[in-house]
Protein backbone atom coordinates (compact mmCIF):
# COMPACT_ATOMS: atom_id res chain seq x y z
CA MET A 1 46.65 12.21 2.32
CA ASP A 2 43.94 9.22 1.76
CA ARG A 3 44.56 6.63 -1.22
CA ALA A 4 42.16 8.37 -3.07
CA SER A 5 43.76 11.23 -3.23
CA LEU A 6 47.35 10.14 -3.99
CA THR A 7 45.72 8.01 -7.03
CA VAL A 8 44.21 11.36 -8.24
CA VAL A 9 48.21 12.91 -7.70
CA ALA A 10 49.96 10.32 -9.22
CA THR A 11 47.60 10.07 -12.01
CA THR A 12 47.74 14.11 -12.93
CA ALA A 13 51.50 14.06 -12.20
CA LEU A 14 51.78 10.73 -14.89
CA LEU A 15 49.74 12.56 -17.67
CA LEU A 16 51.63 15.78 -17.15
CA SER A 17 54.88 14.00 -17.94
CA PHE A 18 53.25 11.92 -20.45
CA GLY A 19 50.95 13.98 -22.02
CA LEU A 20 48.20 11.95 -24.75
CA THR A 21 48.63 14.34 -27.41
CA GLY A 22 51.27 17.47 -26.74
CA SER A 23 48.95 19.46 -25.21
CA HIS A 24 51.50 20.27 -22.06
CA PRO A 25 54.18 22.26 -24.23
CA GLN A 26 56.29 23.00 -21.33
CA ALA A 27 56.53 19.19 -19.96
CA GLN A 28 57.21 18.41 -23.66
CA LYS A 29 60.07 20.94 -24.40
CA ALA A 30 62.23 19.70 -21.26
CA HIS A 31 61.16 15.58 -21.82
CA PRO A 32 59.54 14.32 -25.15
CA THR A 33 57.13 12.50 -24.34
CA PHE A 34 55.02 9.69 -25.91
CA ASP A 35 52.25 11.07 -28.01
CA GLY A 36 48.87 8.80 -28.44
CA ALA A 37 47.47 10.58 -31.14
CA LYS A 38 50.63 10.26 -33.31
CA ALA A 39 50.69 6.51 -32.72
CA PHE A 40 47.19 6.03 -33.46
CA ASN A 41 47.10 7.74 -37.08
CA ASP A 42 49.86 5.39 -37.16
CA LEU A 43 47.79 2.53 -36.78
CA LYS A 44 45.12 3.82 -39.04
CA THR A 45 47.67 4.56 -41.87
CA GLN A 46 48.28 0.51 -41.80
CA CYS A 47 44.85 0.01 -42.35
CA ASP A 48 44.14 2.04 -44.98
CA PHE A 49 46.75 0.02 -46.89
CA GLY A 50 44.47 -2.79 -46.60
CA PRO A 51 44.81 -6.83 -45.18
CA ARG A 52 48.46 -6.91 -45.05
CA VAL A 53 48.53 -10.43 -45.82
CA PRO A 54 52.21 -11.52 -47.61
CA GLY A 55 51.70 -12.20 -51.33
CA THR A 56 49.80 -9.11 -51.42
CA GLU A 57 50.29 -4.92 -52.55
CA ALA A 58 49.75 -3.70 -49.13
CA GLN A 59 51.72 -5.78 -47.67
CA ILE A 60 55.00 -4.49 -49.88
CA LYS A 61 53.55 -1.19 -49.28
CA CYS A 62 53.31 -1.41 -45.27
CA ARG A 63 56.49 -2.39 -45.18
CA ASP A 64 58.14 -0.20 -47.06
CA TRP A 65 56.15 2.06 -45.07
CA MET A 66 57.93 0.73 -41.66
CA VAL A 67 61.03 0.97 -43.13
CA ALA A 68 60.69 4.38 -44.13
CA GLU A 69 59.86 5.58 -40.75
CA LEU A 70 61.90 3.60 -38.78
CA LYS A 71 65.11 5.31 -40.73
CA LYS A 72 64.38 8.72 -39.76
CA SER A 73 64.54 7.49 -36.02
CA CYS A 74 66.49 4.58 -35.93
CA ASP A 75 70.74 4.68 -36.18
CA SER A 76 70.13 1.68 -38.96
CA VAL A 77 67.57 -0.36 -40.38
CA GLN A 78 67.33 -4.14 -42.16
CA LEU A 79 65.22 -6.75 -43.56
CA GLN A 80 65.01 -10.22 -42.73
CA GLU A 81 63.84 -11.79 -45.79
CA PHE A 82 62.70 -15.55 -45.72
CA SER A 83 59.82 -17.42 -47.48
CA HIS A 84 57.12 -19.94 -46.76
CA VAL A 85 55.05 -22.17 -49.32
CA TRP A 86 51.19 -21.84 -48.05
CA SER A 87 49.10 -24.48 -47.85
CA LYS A 88 46.00 -22.56 -48.68
CA SER A 89 47.38 -21.62 -52.19
CA LYS A 90 50.50 -23.86 -52.64
CA LYS A 91 52.48 -20.42 -53.58
CA ASN A 92 55.72 -19.58 -52.08
CA LEU A 93 55.54 -16.60 -49.84
CA LYS A 94 58.12 -13.72 -49.23
CA MET A 95 57.66 -12.55 -46.31
CA TRP A 96 59.89 -9.59 -44.67
CA ASN A 97 60.64 -8.89 -40.61
CA VAL A 98 61.73 -5.31 -40.20
CA ILE A 99 64.32 -4.37 -37.57
CA GLY A 100 65.31 -1.23 -36.52
CA PHE A 101 68.46 0.31 -34.01
CA GLN A 102 69.27 2.71 -31.95
CA ASN A 103 72.18 3.16 -29.44
CA TRP A 104 72.92 -0.45 -30.43
CA LYS A 105 77.07 -1.37 -30.71
CA ASP A 106 78.21 0.51 -27.30
CA ALA A 107 75.14 -0.03 -24.80
CA LYS A 108 75.70 -2.53 -21.99
CA VAL A 109 72.09 -3.24 -21.54
CA ARG A 110 69.99 -3.96 -25.06
CA VAL A 111 66.62 -4.31 -25.50
CA ALA A 112 64.09 -5.95 -27.88
CA ILE A 113 60.34 -4.35 -28.65
CA ILE A 114 58.68 -6.63 -31.01
CA ALA A 115 55.46 -6.90 -32.82
CA HIS A 116 53.90 -8.55 -35.30
CA TRP A 117 52.75 -6.24 -38.55
CA ASP A 118 50.86 -9.19 -40.40
CA SER A 119 47.31 -9.56 -40.44
CA ARG A 120 45.38 -12.69 -40.53
CA ALA A 121 44.46 -14.02 -43.75
CA GLU A 122 41.10 -15.49 -43.18
CA ALA A 123 38.47 -13.93 -40.65
CA ASP A 124 38.31 -17.21 -38.84
CA GLN A 125 36.15 -16.25 -36.06
CA GLU A 126 33.31 -15.06 -38.58
CA SER A 127 30.30 -17.20 -38.34
CA ASP A 128 29.22 -16.35 -41.70
CA PRO A 129 31.57 -18.61 -43.91
CA VAL A 130 31.88 -16.15 -46.84
CA LYS A 131 32.75 -13.97 -44.27
CA ALA A 132 35.27 -16.19 -42.50
CA GLN A 133 36.94 -16.60 -45.78
CA LYS A 134 37.95 -12.70 -46.13
CA PRO A 135 41.23 -11.62 -44.47
CA ILE A 136 40.94 -9.41 -41.73
CA ILE A 137 42.42 -5.28 -41.60
CA GLY A 138 43.85 -6.05 -37.90
CA ALA A 139 43.82 -3.12 -36.52
CA ASN A 140 44.20 -4.32 -33.01
CA ASP A 141 45.53 -7.32 -33.90
CA GLY A 142 48.54 -5.78 -36.14
CA ALA A 143 49.01 -2.54 -36.48
CA SER A 144 48.52 -1.48 -32.70
CA GLY A 145 51.80 -3.02 -31.71
CA VAL A 146 53.94 -1.39 -35.22
CA ALA A 147 52.24 2.21 -34.00
CA VAL A 148 53.31 1.81 -30.37
CA ILE A 149 57.11 1.10 -32.09
CA THR A 150 57.08 3.50 -34.64
CA GLU A 151 55.91 6.21 -32.09
CA LEU A 152 58.36 4.77 -29.82
CA ALA A 153 61.31 5.01 -31.89
CA ARG A 154 60.64 8.92 -32.32
CA VAL A 155 60.81 9.46 -28.74
CA LEU A 156 63.33 7.84 -27.84
CA HIS A 157 65.72 9.50 -30.85
CA GLN A 158 65.00 12.63 -29.26
CA THR A 159 65.36 11.40 -25.48
CA HIS A 160 68.56 8.88 -25.88
CA PRO A 161 68.00 6.59 -23.04
CA GLU A 162 71.24 4.70 -22.01
CA VAL A 163 69.86 1.15 -22.94
CA GLY A 164 70.07 -0.33 -26.75
CA VAL A 165 66.68 -0.72 -28.52
CA GLU A 166 66.44 -3.22 -31.17
CA TYR A 167 62.48 -2.73 -32.84
CA VAL A 168 61.52 -6.03 -34.35
CA LEU A 169 58.38 -5.93 -37.06
CA THR A 170 58.15 -9.40 -37.88
CA ASP A 171 55.77 -10.67 -41.02
CA GLY A 172 53.84 -14.15 -40.97
CA GLU A 173 52.72 -14.65 -37.30
CA ASP A 174 49.29 -14.80 -38.21
CA LEU A 175 48.88 -16.91 -41.76
CA GLY A 176 47.74 -19.55 -40.80
CA PRO A 177 44.83 -21.27 -40.92
CA GLY A 178 46.82 -23.41 -38.03
CA GLU A 179 49.64 -23.04 -36.25
CA ASP A 180 51.92 -25.08 -37.84
CA GLU A 181 51.96 -21.82 -40.40
CA MET A 182 52.04 -19.21 -37.81
CA TYR A 183 54.96 -16.92 -36.08
CA LEU A 184 57.45 -17.29 -39.14
CA GLY A 185 59.09 -14.19 -38.49
CA ALA A 186 59.73 -15.13 -34.83
CA ILE A 187 61.02 -18.22 -35.90
CA GLU A 188 63.36 -16.86 -38.28
CA TYR A 189 64.27 -13.55 -35.84
CA ALA A 190 65.17 -16.63 -33.44
CA ASN A 191 67.22 -18.12 -35.98
CA HIS A 192 69.00 -15.39 -37.09
CA GLN A 193 69.21 -12.62 -34.41
CA PRO A 194 71.77 -10.12 -34.75
CA GLU A 195 74.63 -9.42 -33.13
CA PRO A 196 75.33 -8.35 -30.31
CA LYS A 197 72.07 -10.14 -29.18
CA ALA A 198 69.75 -8.30 -26.87
CA ASN A 199 69.10 -8.79 -22.87
CA TYR A 200 65.52 -9.88 -22.95
CA GLY A 201 62.62 -8.80 -25.48
CA ILE A 202 59.10 -7.14 -24.24
CA LEU A 203 56.19 -8.56 -27.73
CA LEU A 204 53.47 -6.37 -27.97
CA ASP A 205 50.20 -8.36 -29.54
CA MET A 206 46.39 -6.71 -29.56
CA ILE A 207 47.35 -3.65 -27.24
CA GLY A 208 45.11 -0.51 -29.04
CA ALA A 209 41.87 -2.03 -27.61
CA LYS A 210 39.71 0.85 -25.96
CA ASN A 211 40.16 0.37 -22.28
CA VAL A 212 43.26 -1.85 -22.80
CA ARG A 213 44.03 -4.06 -19.90
CA VAL A 214 47.67 -5.84 -19.83
CA PRO A 215 47.04 -9.10 -17.71
CA ILE A 216 50.10 -10.96 -16.78
CA GLU A 217 50.73 -13.58 -19.84
CA PRO A 218 51.58 -17.14 -17.63
CA ASN A 219 53.72 -18.27 -20.11
CA SER A 220 55.59 -15.01 -20.13
CA LEU A 221 55.73 -15.20 -15.68
CA GLU A 222 57.16 -18.54 -16.78
CA ILE A 223 60.11 -17.14 -18.99
CA ASP A 224 61.25 -14.44 -16.86
CA GLY A 225 59.49 -13.75 -13.61
CA ASN A 226 61.44 -11.40 -12.00
CA LEU A 227 61.27 -8.86 -15.76
CA VAL A 228 57.77 -9.43 -15.42
CA TYR A 229 57.67 -8.29 -11.87
CA ALA A 230 59.75 -6.21 -12.22
CA LEU A 231 57.54 -4.27 -15.42
CA TYR A 232 54.17 -4.33 -13.51
CA GLN A 233 55.62 -2.46 -10.27
CA HIS A 234 56.72 0.23 -12.62
CA ALA A 235 53.54 0.34 -14.18
CA GLN A 236 52.14 1.12 -10.57
CA LYS A 237 54.71 3.68 -10.26
CA ILE A 238 53.78 5.64 -12.75
CA GLY A 239 49.94 5.48 -12.44
CA LEU A 240 49.07 2.41 -14.86
CA SER A 241 48.09 -0.35 -12.02
CA SER A 242 44.50 -0.36 -13.40
CA THR A 243 45.82 -0.89 -17.11
CA PHE A 244 48.11 -3.25 -15.93
CA PRO A 245 46.92 -5.16 -12.65
CA MET A 246 49.01 -8.30 -11.14
CA SER A 247 46.51 -11.07 -12.24
CA ALA A 248 47.05 -13.42 -14.62
CA GLY A 249 45.20 -13.78 -18.23
CA PRO A 250 45.43 -16.64 -20.39
CA ALA A 251 48.25 -18.19 -21.52
CA ILE A 252 48.87 -17.12 -25.11
CA ASP A 253 51.01 -18.92 -28.05
CA ASP A 254 52.63 -15.87 -29.20
CA ASP A 255 55.73 -14.91 -31.16
CA HIS A 256 57.71 -14.72 -27.71
CA LEU A 257 57.94 -18.63 -27.77
CA PRO A 258 59.99 -19.65 -30.62
CA ILE A 259 61.87 -16.13 -29.48
CA THR A 260 62.44 -17.65 -26.36
CA LYS A 261 63.23 -21.17 -27.58
CA GLY A 262 65.99 -19.37 -29.75
CA GLY A 263 67.54 -17.92 -26.87
CA LEU A 264 66.32 -14.49 -26.20
CA PRO A 265 63.96 -14.55 -23.50
CA THR A 266 61.15 -12.63 -24.17
CA ILE A 267 57.59 -11.74 -22.55
CA ASP A 268 54.09 -10.80 -23.65
CA LEU A 269 52.02 -7.84 -23.39
CA ILE A 270 48.65 -9.04 -24.96
CA ASP A 271 45.01 -7.99 -23.88
CA PHE A 272 43.14 -11.24 -25.63
CA ASP A 273 39.74 -10.12 -24.17
CA TYR A 274 38.49 -8.90 -28.11
CA LYS A 275 35.79 -9.50 -29.20
CA PRO A 276 36.27 -8.60 -32.75
CA TRP A 277 39.48 -10.56 -32.89
CA HIS A 278 40.01 -12.28 -35.93
CA THR A 279 36.60 -10.66 -37.39
CA LEU A 280 36.34 -8.34 -39.86
CA GLU A 281 35.25 -5.67 -37.61
CA ASP A 282 38.92 -5.75 -36.00
CA THR A 283 38.58 -1.94 -37.24
CA PRO A 284 40.34 1.40 -35.88
CA ASP A 285 37.28 2.40 -34.12
CA LYS A 286 37.50 -0.75 -32.02
CA CYS A 287 41.32 1.07 -30.73
CA SER A 288 41.46 4.42 -29.39
CA PRO A 289 45.11 6.70 -28.85
CA GLU A 290 44.60 6.42 -24.82
CA SER A 291 44.93 2.75 -25.14
CA LEU A 292 48.21 3.44 -26.94
CA TRP A 293 49.64 6.13 -24.63
CA LYS A 294 49.40 3.83 -21.84
CA ILE A 295 51.50 0.77 -23.12
CA GLY A 296 53.88 3.07 -24.94
CA SER A 297 54.19 5.84 -22.07
CA LEU A 298 54.70 2.04 -19.82
CA LEU A 299 57.69 1.27 -22.30
CA GLN A 300 59.50 4.85 -22.19
CA SER A 301 59.54 5.54 -19.06
CA TRP A 302 60.85 2.04 -18.53
CA LEU A 303 63.27 2.16 -21.41
CA GLU A 304 64.68 5.64 -19.84
CA LEU A 305 65.27 4.05 -16.33
CA LYS A 306 68.80 4.80 -15.13
CA PRO A 307 70.63 2.29 -15.05
CA PRO A 308 68.80 0.46 -17.29
CA TYR A 309 66.77 -2.76 -16.07
CA VAL A 310 68.95 -6.10 -16.26
CA SER A 311 66.45 -9.25 -15.46
CA LYS A 312 68.27 -11.13 -12.25
CA LYS A 313 67.71 -14.75 -13.76
């Protein structure tokens, strides 16, 4: 069999095992799989609340929705409240990290899956100065990572992997305008990690765009190269090499840096090649169920490894 045929066979096997919309009843019955359509619906639900900026009604509605969704699939859910005096308004803004746990207490290996849930307070990449002052919906930059997590939690609740999973949804990642007022929830989490702590973390950011492509993030490679290579080799094995190429993308300042600094080595899965970034055009129509499915399928199959992966670093 030639290389092209092998690729077709591998891709077909992956689709049968990890159906996008549940269109393979027999495979689903044997082993529940990540549903990209459900994840995309969760993405749209968040966007329907409006910009999830700290200090807004949309923030509270989204927080409560995430808590309710995680309570359906997690053993326990907790809120990590903190506050920050914002330079733009001089107001003391309340923020919340939402953290859910599955199989956490008794697991021998524990993994944190992380995403920020707030959206940018100002569309600073807009050329029009009036538009640049408006908050963004953040379909890809915010809602996509949360959507993968809520659906991943649902499916792992059914498959019961050996690994313990901690879902960490951070607030205040994108407040800004400068980096001195970003990654606020990640810093709070890094300084107050629940016990027992995770062995490593995987951050999801901007992973919902159509034709998603997630190259290796260089800071992540420095943080834990063994984990990065193992995860990307796993992607190749399940037919997702084009989505997770063994090539370097841009180095990104993101939530994974303060979390790693706080003692939890964390790598970043991010597709930063996204033109609507920090603009009012970051809307659900720029994203796709297929992209969410690819990310979710990788994570589901990774977290279901027997035995669970532990970094050699």
